[in-house]
PDB file of all heavy atoms in Angstrom:
ATOM      1  N   SER A   1     -15.912  29.627   5.930  1.00  0.00           N
ATOM      2  CA  SER A   1     -15.109  28.725   6.874  1.00  0.00           C
ATOM      3  C   SER A   1     -15.997  27.535   7.346  1.00  0.00           C
ATOM      4  O   SER A   1     -15.482  26.440   7.448  1.00  0.00           O
ATOM      5  CB  SER A   1     -14.635  29.654   8.055  1.00  0.00           C
ATOM      6  OG  SER A   1     -13.930  28.895   9.042  1.00  0.00           O
ATOM      7  N   ALA A   2     -17.261  27.902   7.610  1.00  0.00           N
ATOM      8  CA  ALA A   2     -18.178  26.794   8.207  1.00  0.00           C
ATOM      9  C   ALA A   2     -18.426  25.738   7.145  1.00  0.00           C
ATOM     10  O   ALA A   2     -18.393  24.601   7.537  1.00  0.00           O
ATOM     11  CB  ALA A   2     -19.450  27.555   8.594  1.00  0.00           C
ATOM     12  N   ILE A   3     -18.578  26.198   5.896  1.00  0.00           N
ATOM     13  CA  ILE A   3     -18.801  25.153   4.862  1.00  0.00           C
ATOM     14  C   ILE A   3     -17.553  24.214   4.678  1.00  0.00           C
ATOM     15  O   ILE A   3     -17.770  22.995   4.536  1.00  0.00           O
ATOM     16  CB  ILE A   3     -18.997  25.884   3.397  1.00  0.00           C
ATOM     17  CG1 ILE A   3     -20.418  26.579   3.517  1.00  0.00           C
ATOM     18  CG2 ILE A   3     -18.956  24.815   2.290  1.00  0.00           C
ATOM     19  CD1 ILE A   3     -20.762  27.371   2.283  1.00  0.00           C
ATOM     20  N   MET A   4     -16.342  24.803   4.659  1.00  0.00           N
ATOM     21  CA  MET A   4     -15.210  23.964   4.599  1.00  0.00           C
ATOM     22  C   MET A   4     -15.075  22.992   5.700  1.00  0.00           C
ATOM     23  O   MET A   4     -14.657  21.877   5.576  1.00  0.00           O
ATOM     24  CB  MET A   4     -13.930  24.796   4.428  1.00  0.00           C
ATOM     25  CG  MET A   4     -13.826  25.659   3.240  1.00  0.00           C
ATOM     26  SD  MET A   4     -14.111  24.734   1.628  1.00  0.00           S
ATOM     27  CE  MET A   4     -12.678  23.569   1.744  1.00  0.00           C
ATOM     28  N   HIS A   5     -15.445  23.443   6.935  1.00  0.00           N
ATOM     29  CA  HIS A   5     -15.446  22.635   8.127  1.00  0.00           C
ATOM     30  C   HIS A   5     -16.384  21.501   8.054  1.00  0.00           C
ATOM     31  O   HIS A   5     -16.140  20.277   8.371  1.00  0.00           O
ATOM     32  CB  HIS A   5     -15.716  23.498   9.407  1.00  0.00           C
ATOM     33  CG  HIS A   5     -15.759  22.702  10.628  1.00  0.00           C
ATOM     34  ND1 HIS A   5     -14.721  22.140  11.255  1.00  0.00           N
ATOM     35  CD2 HIS A   5     -16.887  22.275  11.380  1.00  0.00           C
ATOM     36  CE1 HIS A   5     -15.090  21.466  12.353  1.00  0.00           C
ATOM     37  NE2 HIS A   5     -16.504  21.600  12.352  1.00  0.00           N
ATOM     38  N   LEU A   6     -17.593  21.828   7.519  1.00  0.00           N
ATOM     39  CA  LEU A   6     -18.653  20.772   7.462  1.00  0.00           C
ATOM     40  C   LEU A   6     -18.426  19.726   6.374  1.00  0.00           C
ATOM     41  O   LEU A   6     -18.624  18.601   6.579  1.00  0.00           O
ATOM     42  CB  LEU A   6     -19.996  21.402   7.109  1.00  0.00           C
ATOM     43  CG  LEU A   6     -20.673  22.316   8.231  1.00  0.00           C
ATOM     44  CD1 LEU A   6     -21.799  23.108   7.662  1.00  0.00           C
ATOM     45  CD2 LEU A   6     -21.063  21.403   9.360  1.00  0.00           C
ATOM     46  N   VAL A   7     -17.770  20.157   5.248  1.00  0.00           N
ATOM     47  CA  VAL A   7     -17.280  19.228   4.227  1.00  0.00           C
ATOM     48  C   VAL A   7     -16.276  18.310   4.705  1.00  0.00           C
ATOM     49  O   VAL A   7     -16.423  17.086   4.552  1.00  0.00           O
ATOM     50  CB  VAL A   7     -16.817  20.064   2.927  1.00  0.00           C
ATOM     51  CG1 VAL A   7     -16.142  18.979   2.021  1.00  0.00           C
ATOM     52  CG2 VAL A   7     -17.935  20.744   2.306  1.00  0.00           C
ATOM     53  N   LYS A   8     -15.331  18.837   5.397  1.00  0.00           N
ATOM     54  CA  LYS A   8     -14.217  17.975   6.056  1.00  0.00           C
ATOM     55  C   LYS A   8     -14.815  17.070   6.964  1.00  0.00           C
ATOM     56  O   LYS A   8     -14.403  15.770   7.085  1.00  0.00           O
ATOM     57  CB  LYS A   8     -13.171  18.889   6.667  1.00  0.00           C
ATOM     58  CG  LYS A   8     -11.941  18.140   7.254  1.00  0.00           C
ATOM     59  CD  LYS A   8     -10.901  19.034   7.818  1.00  0.00           C
ATOM     60  CE  LYS A   8      -9.789  18.291   8.427  1.00  0.00           C
ATOM     61  NZ  LYS A   8      -8.672  19.220   8.899  1.00  0.00           N
ATOM     62  N   LYS A   9     -15.703  17.502   7.906  1.00  0.00           N
ATOM     63  CA  LYS A   9     -16.275  16.680   8.905  1.00  0.00           C
ATOM     64  C   LYS A   9     -17.151  15.592   8.310  1.00  0.00           C
ATOM     65  O   LYS A   9     -17.091  14.428   8.745  1.00  0.00           O
ATOM     66  CB  LYS A   9     -17.122  17.474   9.874  1.00  0.00           C
ATOM     67  CG  LYS A   9     -17.670  16.717  11.090  1.00  0.00           C
ATOM     68  CD  LYS A   9     -18.454  17.651  12.021  1.00  0.00           C
ATOM     69  CE  LYS A   9     -18.819  16.984  13.343  1.00  0.00           C
ATOM     70  NZ  LYS A   9     -19.680  15.770  13.136  1.00  0.00           N
ATOM     71  N   ALA A  10     -17.894  15.896   7.198  1.00  0.00           N
ATOM     72  CA  ALA A  10     -18.750  14.859   6.577  1.00  0.00           C
ATOM     73  C   ALA A  10     -17.915  13.860   5.976  1.00  0.00           C
ATOM     74  O   ALA A  10     -18.209  12.592   6.017  1.00  0.00           O
ATOM     75  CB  ALA A  10     -19.553  15.585   5.502  1.00  0.00           C
ATOM     76  N   ILE A  11     -16.752  14.041   5.424  1.00  0.00           N
ATOM     77  CA  ILE A  11     -15.845  13.071   4.825  1.00  0.00           C
ATOM     78  C   ILE A  11     -15.254  12.192   5.884  1.00  0.00           C
ATOM     79  O   ILE A  11     -15.293  10.985   5.673  1.00  0.00           O
ATOM     80  CB  ILE A  11     -14.705  13.783   4.099  1.00  0.00           C
ATOM     81  CG1 ILE A  11     -15.346  14.459   2.740  1.00  0.00           C
ATOM     82  CG2 ILE A  11     -13.656  12.837   3.598  1.00  0.00           C
ATOM     83  CD1 ILE A  11     -14.359  15.350   2.038  1.00  0.00           C
ATOM     84  N   LEU A  12     -14.737  12.768   6.993  1.00  0.00           N
ATOM     85  CA  LEU A  12     -14.172  12.074   8.062  1.00  0.00           C
ATOM     86  C   LEU A  12     -15.136  11.206   8.793  1.00  0.00           C
ATOM     87  O   LEU A  12     -14.766  10.117   9.337  1.00  0.00           O
ATOM     88  CB  LEU A  12     -13.475  12.961   8.963  1.00  0.00           C
ATOM     89  CG  LEU A  12     -12.287  13.761   8.434  1.00  0.00           C
ATOM     90  CD1 LEU A  12     -11.665  14.752   9.523  1.00  0.00           C
ATOM     91  CD2 LEU A  12     -11.130  12.783   8.009  1.00  0.00           C
ATOM     92  N   ASP A  13     -16.384  11.632   8.808  1.00  0.00           N
ATOM     93  CA  ASP A  13     -17.383  10.838   9.660  1.00  0.00           C
ATOM     94  C   ASP A  13     -18.103   9.824   8.869  1.00  0.00           C
ATOM     95  O   ASP A  13     -19.109   9.117   9.316  1.00  0.00           O
ATOM     96  CB  ASP A  13     -18.356  11.856  10.328  1.00  0.00           C
ATOM     97  CG  ASP A  13     -17.798  12.762  11.295  1.00  0.00           C
ATOM     98  OD1 ASP A  13     -16.612  12.426  11.795  1.00  0.00           O
ATOM     99  OD2 ASP A  13     -18.476  13.692  11.753  1.00  0.00           O
ATOM    100  N   SER A  14     -17.850   9.628   7.595  1.00  0.00           N
ATOM    101  CA  SER A  14     -18.703   8.867   6.736  1.00  0.00           C
ATOM    102  C   SER A  14     -18.042   7.449   6.371  1.00  0.00           C
ATOM    103  O   SER A  14     -18.376   6.884   5.416  1.00  0.00           O
ATOM    104  CB  SER A  14     -18.965   9.544   5.423  1.00  0.00           C
ATOM    105  OG  SER A  14     -17.828   9.836   4.697  1.00  0.00           O
ATOM    106  N   GLY A  15     -17.098   7.048   7.129  1.00  0.00           N
ATOM    107  CA  GLY A  15     -16.500   5.799   7.039  1.00  0.00           C
ATOM    108  C   GLY A  15     -15.508   5.614   5.850  1.00  0.00           C
ATOM    109  O   GLY A  15     -15.068   6.646   5.294  1.00  0.00           O
ATOM    110  N   LEU A  16     -15.181   4.416   5.504  1.00  0.00           N
ATOM    111  CA  LEU A  16     -14.095   4.134   4.514  1.00  0.00           C
ATOM    112  C   LEU A  16     -14.524   4.670   3.085  1.00  0.00           C
ATOM    113  O   LEU A  16     -13.756   5.331   2.393  1.00  0.00           O
ATOM    114  CB  LEU A  16     -13.896   2.654   4.397  1.00  0.00           C
ATOM    115  CG  LEU A  16     -12.800   2.184   3.369  1.00  0.00           C
ATOM    116  CD1 LEU A  16     -11.445   2.819   3.657  1.00  0.00           C
ATOM    117  CD2 LEU A  16     -12.686   0.735   3.354  1.00  0.00           C
ATOM    118  N   LYS A  17     -15.786   4.501   2.716  1.00  0.00           N
ATOM    119  CA  LYS A  17     -16.263   4.976   1.384  1.00  0.00           C
ATOM    120  C   LYS A  17     -16.217   6.542   1.324  1.00  0.00           C
ATOM    121  O   LYS A  17     -15.810   7.041   0.276  1.00  0.00           O
ATOM    122  CB  LYS A  17     -17.723   4.501   1.142  1.00  0.00           C
ATOM    123  CG  LYS A  17     -17.890   3.063   0.912  1.00  0.00           C
ATOM    124  CD  LYS A  17     -19.271   2.746   0.565  1.00  0.00           C
ATOM    125  CE  LYS A  17     -19.398   1.217   0.183  1.00  0.00           C
ATOM    126  NZ  LYS A  17     -20.819   0.859  -0.126  1.00  0.00           N
ATOM    127  N   GLY A  18     -16.546   7.181   2.337  1.00  0.00           N
ATOM    128  CA  GLY A  18     -16.494   8.605   2.444  1.00  0.00           C
ATOM    129  C   GLY A  18     -15.008   9.030   2.353  1.00  0.00           C
ATOM    130  O   GLY A  18     -14.756  10.105   1.639  1.00  0.00           O
ATOM    131  N   LYS A  19     -14.101   8.449   2.917  1.00  0.00           N
ATOM    132  CA  LYS A  19     -12.712   8.847   2.887  1.00  0.00           C
ATOM    133  C   LYS A  19     -12.193   8.612   1.450  1.00  0.00           C
ATOM    134  O   LYS A  19     -11.418   9.415   0.989  1.00  0.00           O
ATOM    135  CB  LYS A  19     -11.900   8.123   3.962  1.00  0.00           C
ATOM    136  CG  LYS A  19     -12.270   8.543   5.411  1.00  0.00           C
ATOM    137  CD  LYS A  19     -11.349   7.696   6.304  1.00  0.00           C
ATOM    138  CE  LYS A  19     -11.605   8.202   7.735  1.00  0.00           C
ATOM    139  NZ  LYS A  19     -12.932   7.846   8.315  1.00  0.00           N
ATOM    140  N   ILE A  20     -12.503   7.476   0.868  1.00  0.00           N
ATOM    141  CA  ILE A  20     -12.110   7.286  -0.502  1.00  0.00           C
ATOM    142  C   ILE A  20     -12.694   8.288  -1.474  1.00  0.00           C
ATOM    143  O   ILE A  20     -11.933   8.875  -2.312  1.00  0.00           O
ATOM    144  CB  ILE A  20     -12.591   5.795  -0.911  1.00  0.00           C
ATOM    145  CG1 ILE A  20     -11.793   4.765  -0.125  1.00  0.00           C
ATOM    146  CG2 ILE A  20     -12.307   5.690  -2.386  1.00  0.00           C
ATOM    147  CD1 ILE A  20     -12.271   3.347  -0.382  1.00  0.00           C
ATOM    148  N   GLY A  21     -13.876   8.682  -1.211  1.00  0.00           N
ATOM    149  CA  GLY A  21     -14.555   9.725  -1.975  1.00  0.00           C
ATOM    150  C   GLY A  21     -13.885  11.070  -1.745  1.00  0.00           C
ATOM    151  O   GLY A  21     -13.619  11.816  -2.781  1.00  0.00           O
ATOM    152  N   GLY A  22     -13.481  11.263  -0.579  1.00  0.00           N
ATOM    153  CA  GLY A  22     -12.737  12.522  -0.284  1.00  0.00           C
ATOM    154  C   GLY A  22     -11.407  12.608  -0.936  1.00  0.00           C
ATOM    155  O   GLY A  22     -10.986  13.732  -1.388  1.00  0.00           O
ATOM    156  N   LEU A  23     -10.725  11.439  -0.983  1.00  0.00           N
ATOM    157  CA  LEU A  23      -9.527  11.436  -1.743  1.00  0.00           C
ATOM    158  C   LEU A  23      -9.622  11.729  -3.166  1.00  0.00           C
ATOM    159  O   LEU A  23      -8.824  12.430  -3.850  1.00  0.00           O
ATOM    160  CB  LEU A  23      -8.742  10.098  -1.532  1.00  0.00           C
ATOM    161  CG  LEU A  23      -8.152   9.867  -0.146  1.00  0.00           C
ATOM    162  CD1 LEU A  23      -7.721   8.459  -0.060  1.00  0.00           C
ATOM    163  CD2 LEU A  23      -6.969  10.809   0.055  1.00  0.00           C
ATOM    164  N   LEU A  24     -10.703  11.194  -3.766  1.00  0.00           N
ATOM    165  CA  LEU A  24     -10.977  11.429  -5.237  1.00  0.00           C
ATOM    166  C   LEU A  24     -11.361  12.859  -5.465  1.00  0.00           C
ATOM    167  O   LEU A  24     -11.074  13.349  -6.591  1.00  0.00           O
ATOM    168  CB  LEU A  24     -12.102  10.486  -5.717  1.00  0.00           C
ATOM    169  CG  LEU A  24     -11.822   8.975  -5.677  1.00  0.00           C
ATOM    170  CD1 LEU A  24     -13.075   8.221  -5.976  1.00  0.00           C
ATOM    171  CD2 LEU A  24     -10.731   8.619  -6.721  1.00  0.00           C
ATOM    172  N   LEU A  25     -11.903  13.440  -4.396  1.00  0.00           N
ATOM    173  CA  LEU A  25     -12.333  14.908  -4.608  1.00  0.00           C
ATOM    174  C   LEU A  25     -11.351  15.907  -4.120  1.00  0.00           C
ATOM    175  O   LEU A  25     -11.635  17.114  -4.107  1.00  0.00           O
ATOM    176  CB  LEU A  25     -13.680  15.123  -3.908  1.00  0.00           C
ATOM    177  CG  LEU A  25     -14.895  14.443  -4.531  1.00  0.00           C
ATOM    178  CD1 LEU A  25     -16.140  14.590  -3.576  1.00  0.00           C
ATOM    179  CD2 LEU A  25     -15.277  15.149  -5.829  1.00  0.00           C
ATOM    180  N   LYS A  26     -10.203  15.371  -3.714  1.00  0.00           N
ATOM    181  CA  LYS A  26      -9.225  16.274  -2.939  1.00  0.00           C
ATOM    182  C   LYS A  26      -8.759  17.466  -3.891  1.00  0.00           C
ATOM    183  O   LYS A  26      -8.763  18.589  -3.263  1.00  0.00           O
ATOM    184  CB  LYS A  26      -8.028  15.484  -2.693  1.00  0.00           C
ATOM    185  CG  LYS A  26      -6.971  16.209  -1.829  1.00  0.00           C
ATOM    186  CD  LYS A  26      -5.806  15.278  -1.456  1.00  0.00           C
ATOM    187  CE  LYS A  26      -4.813  16.062  -0.605  1.00  0.00           C
ATOM    188  NZ  LYS A  26      -3.614  15.210  -0.131  1.00  0.00           N
ATOM    189  N   SER A  27      -8.499  17.299  -5.083  1.00  0.00           N
ATOM    190  CA  SER A  27      -8.070  18.434  -5.948  1.00  0.00           C
ATOM    191  C   SER A  27      -9.204  19.427  -6.091  1.00  0.00           C
ATOM    192  O   SER A  27      -8.955  20.594  -6.107  1.00  0.00           O
ATOM    193  CB  SER A  27      -7.524  17.940  -7.261  1.00  0.00           C
ATOM    194  OG  SER A  27      -8.628  17.237  -8.009  1.00  0.00           O
ATOM    195  N   SER A  28     -10.472  18.903  -6.304  1.00  0.00           N
ATOM    196  CA  SER A  28     -11.527  19.814  -6.416  1.00  0.00           C
ATOM    197  C   SER A  28     -11.914  20.548  -5.121  1.00  0.00           C
ATOM    198  O   SER A  28     -12.149  21.749  -5.254  1.00  0.00           O
ATOM    199  CB  SER A  28     -12.812  19.047  -6.781  1.00  0.00           C
ATOM    200  OG  SER A  28     -12.614  18.294  -8.049  1.00  0.00           O
ATOM    201  N   LEU A  29     -11.724  19.945  -4.004  1.00  0.00           N
ATOM    202  CA  LEU A  29     -11.926  20.626  -2.717  1.00  0.00           C
ATOM    203  C   LEU A  29     -10.819  21.587  -2.465  1.00  0.00           C
ATOM    204  O   LEU A  29     -11.125  22.755  -1.918  1.00  0.00           O
ATOM    205  CB  LEU A  29     -12.062  19.600  -1.648  1.00  0.00           C
ATOM    206  CG  LEU A  29     -13.228  18.636  -1.694  1.00  0.00           C
ATOM    207  CD1 LEU A  29     -13.078  17.625  -0.530  1.00  0.00           C
ATOM    208  CD2 LEU A  29     -14.448  19.427  -1.405  1.00  0.00           C
ATOM    209  N   LYS A  30      -9.625  21.289  -2.908  1.00  0.00           N
ATOM    210  CA  LYS A  30      -8.601  22.309  -2.737  1.00  0.00           C
ATOM    211  C   LYS A  30      -8.865  23.481  -3.619  1.00  0.00           C
ATOM    212  O   LYS A  30      -8.595  24.693  -3.158  1.00  0.00           O
ATOM    213  CB  LYS A  30      -7.161  21.673  -3.197  1.00  0.00           C
ATOM    214  CG  LYS A  30      -6.000  22.509  -3.007  1.00  0.00           C
ATOM    215  CD  LYS A  30      -4.671  21.858  -3.455  1.00  0.00           C
ATOM    216  CE  LYS A  30      -3.554  22.751  -3.215  1.00  0.00           C
ATOM    217  NZ  LYS A  30      -2.250  22.118  -3.715  1.00  0.00           N
TER     218      LYS A  30
END
């Protein structure tokens, strides 16, 4: 649970590039 929370927080706190990267990794994270 903590790892999933930290990954989500890292994506949201890393600006536009991080959010784009998060979208690209969405299926893998799911």
